[in-house]
């Protein structure tokens, strides 16, 4: 299972971080209350999840691939592990 709460905290810190980075990268922003629910439920609608992954990748100064495996408990990238 993907650790959505940890992903949000690691890459955006809080609601303002999500809204600020989305805006800074030219994306429309969801309502503040919706983003608060993402943090409290540790769940993001998939449509927004894709955008947040793109924004999180853009924020990495090293431009290395975003390690999403770190949020599944499986860093090996083996989907059958």
C-alpha atoms as a PDB file:
ATOM      1  CA  UNK A   1       0.000   0.000   0.000  1.00  0.00           C
ATOM      2  CA  UNK A   2       1.215   3.505  -0.823  1.00  0.00           C
ATOM      3  CA  UNK A   3       1.974   5.649   2.245  1.00  0.00           C
ATOM      4  CA  UNK A   4       0.161   8.755   1.053  1.00  0.00           C
ATOM      5  CA  UNK A   5       0.454  10.592   4.370  1.00  0.00           C
ATOM      6  CA  UNK A   6       4.232  10.237   4.406  1.00  0.00           C
ATOM      7  CA  UNK A   7       4.471  11.281   0.741  1.00  0.00           C
ATOM      8  CA  UNK A   8       2.469  14.448   1.462  1.00  0.00           C
ATOM      9  CA  UNK A   9       4.537  15.345   4.518  1.00  0.00           C
ATOM     10  CA  UNK A  10       7.877  14.567   2.862  1.00  0.00           C
ATOM     11  CA  UNK A  11       7.249  16.613  -0.267  1.00  0.00           C
ATOM     12  CA  UNK A  12       4.743  19.289   0.740  1.00  0.00           C
ATOM     13  CA  UNK A  13       4.847  19.509   4.569  1.00  0.00           C
ATOM     14  CA  UNK A  14       1.325  20.867   4.955  1.00  0.00           C
ATOM     15  CA  UNK A  15      -1.724  22.288   3.175  1.00  0.00           C
ATOM     16  CA  UNK A  16       0.033  25.557   2.378  1.00  0.00           C
ATOM     17  CA  UNK A  17       2.935  23.622   0.862  1.00  0.00           C
ATOM     18  CA  UNK A  18       0.599  21.780  -1.511  1.00  0.00           C
ATOM     19  CA  UNK A  19      -1.244  24.924  -2.531  1.00  0.00           C
ATOM     20  CA  UNK A  20       1.940  26.976  -2.869  1.00  0.00           C
ATOM     21  CA  UNK A  21       3.831  24.469  -5.009  1.00  0.00           C
ATOM     22  CA  UNK A  22       0.863  23.777  -7.265  1.00  0.00           C
ATOM     23  CA  UNK A  23       0.425  27.498  -7.812  1.00  0.00           C
ATOM     24  CA  UNK A  24       4.165  28.072  -8.319  1.00  0.00           C
ATOM     25  CA  UNK A  25       4.199  25.436 -11.066  1.00  0.00           C
ATOM     26  CA  UNK A  26       1.168  26.914 -12.812  1.00  0.00           C
ATOM     27  CA  UNK A  27      -1.433  24.347 -11.777  1.00  0.00           C
ATOM     28  CA  UNK A  28      -4.871  25.296 -10.571  1.00  0.00           C
ATOM     29  CA  UNK A  29      -5.278  24.641  -6.886  1.00  0.00           C
ATOM     30  CA  UNK A  30      -7.950  22.599  -5.156  1.00  0.00           C
ATOM     31  CA  UNK A  31      -9.953  24.062  -2.311  1.00  0.00           C
ATOM     32  CA  UNK A  32      -8.040  24.352   0.965  1.00  0.00           C
ATOM     33  CA  UNK A  33     -10.579  22.150   2.780  1.00  0.00           C
ATOM     34  CA  UNK A  34     -10.094  19.372   0.246  1.00  0.00           C
ATOM     35  CA  UNK A  35      -6.326  19.386   0.775  1.00  0.00           C
ATOM     36  CA  UNK A  36      -6.829  19.361   4.561  1.00  0.00           C
ATOM     37  CA  UNK A  37      -8.823  16.147   4.091  1.00  0.00           C
ATOM     38  CA  UNK A  38      -5.980  14.625   2.056  1.00  0.00           C
ATOM     39  CA  UNK A  39      -3.689  15.094   5.026  1.00  0.00           C
ATOM     40  CA  UNK A  40      -6.195  13.922   7.639  1.00  0.00           C
ATOM     41  CA  UNK A  41      -7.261  10.855   5.612  1.00  0.00           C
ATOM     42  CA  UNK A  42      -3.834  10.118   4.098  1.00  0.00           C
ATOM     43  CA  UNK A  43      -5.600   9.807   0.776  1.00  0.00           C
ATOM     44  CA  UNK A  44      -5.460  11.801  -2.460  1.00  0.00           C
ATOM     45  CA  UNK A  45      -7.862  11.474  -5.410  1.00  0.00           C
ATOM     46  CA  UNK A  46      -5.844   9.852  -8.209  1.00  0.00           C
ATOM     47  CA  UNK A  47      -6.314  12.847 -10.527  1.00  0.00           C
ATOM     48  CA  UNK A  48      -4.554  15.070  -7.987  1.00  0.00           C
ATOM     49  CA  UNK A  49      -2.086  12.368  -7.009  1.00  0.00           C
ATOM     50  CA  UNK A  50      -0.601  12.341 -10.508  1.00  0.00           C
ATOM     51  CA  UNK A  51      -0.196  16.126 -10.453  1.00  0.00           C
ATOM     52  CA  UNK A  52       1.403  16.022  -6.995  1.00  0.00           C
ATOM     53  CA  UNK A  53       3.897  13.396  -8.169  1.00  0.00           C
ATOM     54  CA  UNK A  54       4.812  15.644 -11.112  1.00  0.00           C
ATOM     55  CA  UNK A  55       5.218  18.670  -8.833  1.00  0.00           C
ATOM     56  CA  UNK A  56       7.252  16.668  -6.286  1.00  0.00           C
ATOM     57  CA  UNK A  57       9.546  15.507  -9.112  1.00  0.00           C
ATOM     58  CA  UNK A  58       9.975  19.074 -10.373  1.00  0.00           C
ATOM     59  CA  UNK A  59      11.083  20.166  -6.909  1.00  0.00           C
ATOM     60  CA  UNK A  60      13.979  17.714  -6.786  1.00  0.00           C
ATOM     61  CA  UNK A  61      17.143  19.666  -7.534  1.00  0.00           C
ATOM     62  CA  UNK A  62      19.095  16.538  -8.461  1.00  0.00           C
ATOM     63  CA  UNK A  63      16.568  15.709 -11.200  1.00  0.00           C
ATOM     64  CA  UNK A  64      16.847  12.052 -10.258  1.00  0.00           C
ATOM     65  CA  UNK A  65      13.800   9.791 -10.489  1.00  0.00           C
ATOM     66  CA  UNK A  66      11.332  10.156  -7.650  1.00  0.00           C
ATOM     67  CA  UNK A  67      11.568   6.998  -5.532  1.00  0.00           C
ATOM     68  CA  UNK A  68       7.907   6.083  -5.179  1.00  0.00           C
ATOM     69  CA  UNK A  69       8.939   2.637  -3.975  1.00  0.00           C
ATOM     70  CA  UNK A  70       9.934   4.304  -0.720  1.00  0.00           C
ATOM     71  CA  UNK A  71       6.239   4.917  -0.060  1.00  0.00           C
ATOM     72  CA  UNK A  72       5.153   1.320  -0.671  1.00  0.00           C
ATOM     73  CA  UNK A  73       7.544  -0.367   1.722  1.00  0.00           C
ATOM     74  CA  UNK A  74       9.250  -1.916  -1.297  1.00  0.00           C
ATOM     75  CA  UNK A  75      12.364  -0.067  -2.483  1.00  0.00           C
ATOM     76  CA  UNK A  76      13.309  -2.887  -4.868  1.00  0.00           C
ATOM     77  CA  UNK A  77      10.747  -1.908  -7.517  1.00  0.00           C
ATOM     78  CA  UNK A  78       9.719  -5.566  -7.777  1.00  0.00           C
ATOM     79  CA  UNK A  79       5.933  -5.464  -7.862  1.00  0.00           C
ATOM     80  CA  UNK A  80       5.823  -9.157  -6.952  1.00  0.00           C
ATOM     81  CA  UNK A  81       8.047  -8.861  -3.859  1.00  0.00           C
END
